Amino acid sequence: MSAGRSRRARGGSAEVVAAGETSCFAVRLRAARPGALTRVLQVFQRHRVPVLAATVSRNGGEAAVTVTTAVVAPAVAGKIEADIISCNA
């Protein structure tokens, strides 16, 4: 299992962990707005990365989105992280 990388922004944070044949993107949105899951999934679509599973949970004003994909190259994962943070900031 590779170590996770974490990025933080004013509106939340994102972390990527790769293990075996999958990558897991965990996104925390402090100011969860309607459509947050849709915006996150659109990032994967733009990067042409198939999503295997996605979940969202909400606690008060914060939301957690977890997306599992096939393994993603580190350079692509970094671009996805940045896009997720910018589209939800």
N, C-alpha and C. Protein backbone atom coordinates (compact mmCIF):
# COMPACT_ATOMS: atom_id res chain seq x y z
N MET A 1 0.85 -1.17 0.00
CA MET A 1 0.00 0.00 0.00
C MET A 1 0.90 1.23 0.00
N SER A 2 0.59 2.18 -0.86
CA SER A 2 1.40 3.40 -0.89
C SER A 2 0.84 4.40 0.11
N ALA A 3 1.73 5.26 0.57
CA ALA A 3 1.30 6.28 1.52
C ALA A 3 0.38 7.27 0.83
N GLY A 4 -0.55 7.79 1.57
CA GLY A 4 -1.49 8.76 1.02
C GLY A 4 -0.87 10.14 0.96
N ARG A 5 -1.29 10.89 -0.01
CA ARG A 5 -0.92 12.29 -0.13
C ARG A 5 -2.14 13.09 0.26
N SER A 6 -1.93 14.22 0.89
CA SER A 6 -3.07 15.03 1.31
C SER A 6 -2.86 16.47 0.88
N ARG A 7 -3.92 17.09 0.37
CA ARG A 7 -3.90 18.50 0.01
C ARG A 7 -5.04 19.17 0.74
N ARG A 8 -4.79 20.37 1.19
CA ARG A 8 -5.83 21.11 1.90
C ARG A 8 -6.10 22.43 1.20
N ALA A 9 -7.32 22.85 1.26
CA ALA A 9 -7.73 24.14 0.71
C ALA A 9 -8.72 24.76 1.67
N ARG A 10 -9.04 26.02 1.45
CA ARG A 10 -9.95 26.74 2.33
C ARG A 10 -11.27 26.01 2.52
N GLY A 11 -11.79 25.39 1.47
CA GLY A 11 -13.10 24.75 1.56
C GLY A 11 -13.08 23.28 1.93
N GLY A 12 -11.90 22.68 2.09
CA GLY A 12 -11.85 21.27 2.42
C GLY A 12 -10.49 20.68 2.17
N SER A 13 -10.43 19.37 1.98
CA SER A 13 -9.17 18.70 1.74
C SER A 13 -9.41 17.48 0.88
N ALA A 14 -8.32 16.98 0.28
CA ALA A 14 -8.41 15.76 -0.53
C ALA A 14 -7.20 14.91 -0.22
N GLU A 15 -7.38 13.60 -0.27
CA GLU A 15 -6.29 12.67 -0.02
C GLU A 15 -6.44 11.49 -0.98
N VAL A 16 -5.31 10.99 -1.47
CA VAL A 16 -5.32 9.85 -2.37
C VAL A 16 -4.48 8.73 -1.76
N VAL A 17 -5.02 7.52 -1.76
CA VAL A 17 -4.29 6.34 -1.31
C VAL A 17 -4.40 5.29 -2.40
N ALA A 18 -3.25 4.75 -2.83
CA ALA A 18 -3.25 3.67 -3.83
C ALA A 18 -2.88 2.37 -3.14
N ALA A 19 -3.64 1.33 -3.43
CA ALA A 19 -3.37 0.01 -2.86
C ALA A 19 -3.67 -1.05 -3.90
N GLY A 20 -2.66 -1.78 -4.31
CA GLY A 20 -2.88 -2.84 -5.29
C GLY A 20 -3.41 -2.30 -6.60
N GLU A 21 -4.59 -2.73 -6.97
CA GLU A 21 -5.17 -2.37 -8.27
C GLU A 21 -6.17 -1.21 -8.19
N THR A 22 -6.25 -0.56 -7.03
CA THR A 22 -7.22 0.54 -6.90
C THR A 22 -6.58 1.80 -6.30
N SER A 23 -7.22 2.91 -6.56
CA SER A 23 -6.88 4.18 -5.91
C SER A 23 -8.13 4.65 -5.20
N CYS A 24 -7.96 5.26 -4.05
CA CYS A 24 -9.09 5.77 -3.28
C CYS A 24 -8.87 7.26 -3.05
N PHE A 25 -9.83 8.05 -3.44
CA PHE A 25 -9.79 9.50 -3.27
C PHE A 25 -10.77 9.84 -2.16
N ALA A 26 -10.30 10.45 -1.10
CA ALA A 26 -11.15 10.86 0.00
C ALA A 26 -11.17 12.38 0.04
N VAL A 27 -12.35 12.96 0.01
CA VAL A 27 -12.51 14.40 -0.05
C VAL A 27 -13.37 14.85 1.12
N ARG A 28 -12.89 15.84 1.87
CA ARG A 28 -13.68 16.41 2.94
C ARG A 28 -14.05 17.83 2.54
N LEU A 29 -15.32 18.12 2.54
CA LEU A 29 -15.83 19.43 2.17
C LEU A 29 -16.43 20.09 3.40
N ARG A 30 -15.77 21.12 3.90
CA ARG A 30 -16.26 21.77 5.13
C ARG A 30 -17.56 22.51 4.93
N ALA A 31 -17.73 23.12 3.78
CA ALA A 31 -18.96 23.85 3.50
C ALA A 31 -19.70 23.12 2.38
N ALA A 32 -20.27 21.99 2.73
CA ALA A 32 -20.92 21.15 1.73
C ALA A 32 -22.10 21.89 1.10
N ARG A 33 -22.06 21.93 -0.22
CA ARG A 33 -23.14 22.56 -0.98
C ARG A 33 -23.87 21.48 -1.77
N PRO A 34 -25.12 21.73 -2.13
CA PRO A 34 -25.83 20.76 -2.98
C PRO A 34 -25.03 20.52 -4.26
N GLY A 35 -24.99 19.27 -4.70
CA GLY A 35 -24.28 18.93 -5.93
C GLY A 35 -22.82 18.61 -5.74
N ALA A 36 -22.33 18.54 -4.50
CA ALA A 36 -20.91 18.28 -4.26
C ALA A 36 -20.46 16.96 -4.88
N LEU A 37 -21.25 15.90 -4.71
CA LEU A 37 -20.87 14.60 -5.27
C LEU A 37 -20.83 14.67 -6.79
N THR A 38 -21.79 15.34 -7.39
CA THR A 38 -21.81 15.48 -8.85
C THR A 38 -20.56 16.19 -9.34
N ARG A 39 -20.17 17.29 -8.68
CA ARG A 39 -18.98 18.03 -9.09
C ARG A 39 -17.73 17.16 -8.96
N VAL A 40 -17.63 16.38 -7.90
CA VAL A 40 -16.47 15.51 -7.72
C VAL A 40 -16.44 14.45 -8.84
N LEU A 41 -17.56 13.83 -9.12
CA LEU A 41 -17.60 12.79 -10.16
C LEU A 41 -17.31 13.36 -11.55
N GLN A 42 -17.69 14.60 -11.80
CA GLN A 42 -17.40 15.23 -13.08
C GLN A 42 -15.89 15.39 -13.30
N VAL A 43 -15.14 15.57 -12.23
CA VAL A 43 -13.68 15.66 -12.34
C VAL A 43 -13.12 14.35 -12.90
N PHE A 44 -13.60 13.23 -12.40
CA PHE A 44 -13.12 11.93 -12.88
C PHE A 44 -13.51 11.73 -14.35
N GLN A 45 -14.69 12.16 -14.69
CA GLN A 45 -15.14 12.05 -16.08
C GLN A 45 -14.25 12.88 -17.01
N ARG A 46 -13.91 14.11 -16.60
CA ARG A 46 -13.02 14.95 -17.42
C ARG A 46 -11.65 14.32 -17.62
N HIS A 47 -11.17 13.60 -16.61
CA HIS A 47 -9.86 12.96 -16.70
C HIS A 47 -9.95 11.54 -17.27
N ARG A 48 -11.15 11.14 -17.65
CA ARG A 48 -11.40 9.82 -18.24
C ARG A 48 -10.92 8.67 -17.33
N VAL A 49 -11.22 8.83 -16.05
CA VAL A 49 -10.89 7.80 -15.06
C VAL A 49 -12.20 7.16 -14.61
N PRO A 50 -12.40 5.87 -14.92
CA PRO A 50 -13.64 5.20 -14.52
C PRO A 50 -13.77 5.09 -13.00
N VAL A 51 -14.95 5.39 -12.51
CA VAL A 51 -15.25 5.29 -11.08
C VAL A 51 -15.83 3.91 -10.81
N LEU A 52 -15.23 3.19 -9.86
CA LEU A 52 -15.73 1.87 -9.47
C LEU A 52 -16.80 1.97 -8.38
N ALA A 53 -16.63 2.93 -7.47
CA ALA A 53 -17.60 3.13 -6.39
C ALA A 53 -17.46 4.55 -5.86
N ALA A 54 -18.56 5.10 -5.36
CA ALA A 54 -18.54 6.44 -4.76
C ALA A 54 -19.54 6.48 -3.62
N THR A 55 -19.14 7.13 -2.55
CA THR A 55 -20.05 7.31 -1.41
C THR A 55 -19.97 8.75 -0.94
N VAL A 56 -21.03 9.20 -0.33
CA VAL A 56 -21.05 10.52 0.29
C VAL A 56 -21.76 10.40 1.63
N SER A 57 -21.21 11.06 2.62
CA SER A 57 -21.87 11.12 3.92
C SER A 57 -21.82 12.57 4.38
N ARG A 58 -22.79 12.93 5.18
CA ARG A 58 -22.90 14.32 5.61
C ARG A 58 -23.11 14.37 7.11
N ASN A 59 -22.41 15.29 7.75
CA ASN A 59 -22.55 15.49 9.18
C ASN A 59 -22.60 17.00 9.41
N GLY A 60 -23.77 17.50 9.67
CA GLY A 60 -23.92 18.94 9.83
C GLY A 60 -23.61 19.64 8.52
N GLY A 61 -22.70 20.61 8.55
CA GLY A 61 -22.34 21.35 7.35
C GLY A 61 -21.19 20.75 6.58
N GLU A 62 -20.65 19.63 7.03
CA GLU A 62 -19.50 19.01 6.39
C GLU A 62 -19.92 17.74 5.64
N ALA A 63 -19.27 17.48 4.51
CA ALA A 63 -19.55 16.26 3.75
C ALA A 63 -18.23 15.53 3.49
N ALA A 64 -18.30 14.21 3.42
CA ALA A 64 -17.15 13.38 3.06
C ALA A 64 -17.52 12.59 1.82
N VAL A 65 -16.68 12.68 0.80
CA VAL A 65 -16.90 11.96 -0.45
C VAL A 65 -15.72 11.02 -0.63
N THR A 66 -16.01 9.74 -0.89
CA THR A 66 -14.96 8.76 -1.16
C THR A 66 -15.22 8.16 -2.53
N VAL A 67 -14.17 8.18 -3.37
CA VAL A 67 -14.29 7.64 -4.73
C VAL A 67 -13.20 6.59 -4.92
N THR A 68 -13.58 5.40 -5.36
CA THR A 68 -12.64 4.33 -5.66
C THR A 68 -12.56 4.16 -7.17
N THR A 69 -11.33 4.10 -7.69
CA THR A 69 -11.08 3.93 -9.12
C THR A 69 -10.06 2.82 -9.32
N ALA A 70 -9.87 2.43 -10.57
CA ALA A 70 -8.72 1.58 -10.88
C ALA A 70 -7.49 2.41 -10.55
N VAL A 71 -6.35 1.77 -10.41
CA VAL A 71 -5.13 2.48 -10.04
C VAL A 71 -4.85 3.62 -11.03
N VAL A 72 -4.46 4.78 -10.48
CA VAL A 72 -4.24 5.99 -11.26
C VAL A 72 -2.78 6.41 -11.10
N ALA A 73 -2.15 6.80 -12.20
CA ALA A 73 -0.77 7.28 -12.15
C ALA A 73 -0.67 8.49 -11.22
N PRO A 74 0.43 8.62 -10.48
CA PRO A 74 0.57 9.74 -9.54
C PRO A 74 0.36 11.11 -10.17
N ALA A 75 0.84 11.33 -11.38
CA ALA A 75 0.66 12.64 -12.03
C ALA A 75 -0.82 12.93 -12.27
N VAL A 76 -1.57 11.92 -12.70
CA VAL A 76 -3.01 12.09 -12.94
C VAL A 76 -3.74 12.29 -11.61
N ALA A 77 -3.35 11.53 -10.60
CA ALA A 77 -3.98 11.67 -9.28
C ALA A 77 -3.80 13.08 -8.74
N GLY A 78 -2.63 13.65 -8.94
CA GLY A 78 -2.38 15.02 -8.49
C GLY A 78 -3.27 16.03 -9.19
N LYS A 79 -3.47 15.84 -10.49
CA LYS A 79 -4.35 16.73 -11.25
C LYS A 79 -5.80 16.59 -10.78
N ILE A 80 -6.22 15.35 -10.52
CA ILE A 80 -7.58 15.11 -10.04
C ILE A 80 -7.78 15.78 -8.68
N GLU A 81 -6.81 15.61 -7.78
CA GLU A 81 -6.90 16.25 -6.46
C GLU A 81 -7.07 17.75 -6.58
N ALA A 82 -6.22 18.37 -7.40
CA ALA A 82 -6.28 19.83 -7.56
C ALA A 82 -7.62 20.26 -8.13
N ASP A 83 -8.12 19.52 -9.11
CA ASP A 83 -9.41 19.86 -9.71
C ASP A 83 -10.56 19.71 -8.73
N ILE A 84 -10.52 18.66 -7.93
CA ILE A 84 -11.58 18.45 -6.92
C ILE A 84 -11.60 19.61 -5.94
N ILE A 85 -10.44 19.99 -5.46
CA ILE A 85 -10.38 21.09 -4.50
C ILE A 85 -10.85 22.39 -5.12
N SER A 86 -10.42 22.66 -6.35
CA SER A 86 -10.80 23.94 -6.98
C SER A 86 -12.29 24.00 -7.31
N CYS A 87 -12.91 22.87 -7.67
CA CYS A 87 -14.32 22.92 -8.03
C CYS A 87 -15.23 22.95 -6.81
N ASN A 88 -14.68 22.70 -5.62
CA ASN A 88 -15.48 22.70 -4.41
C ASN A 88 -15.03 23.74 -3.40
N ALA A 89 -14.11 24.62 -3.80
CA ALA A 89 -13.61 25.64 -2.88
C ALA A 89 -14.64 26.71 -2.61
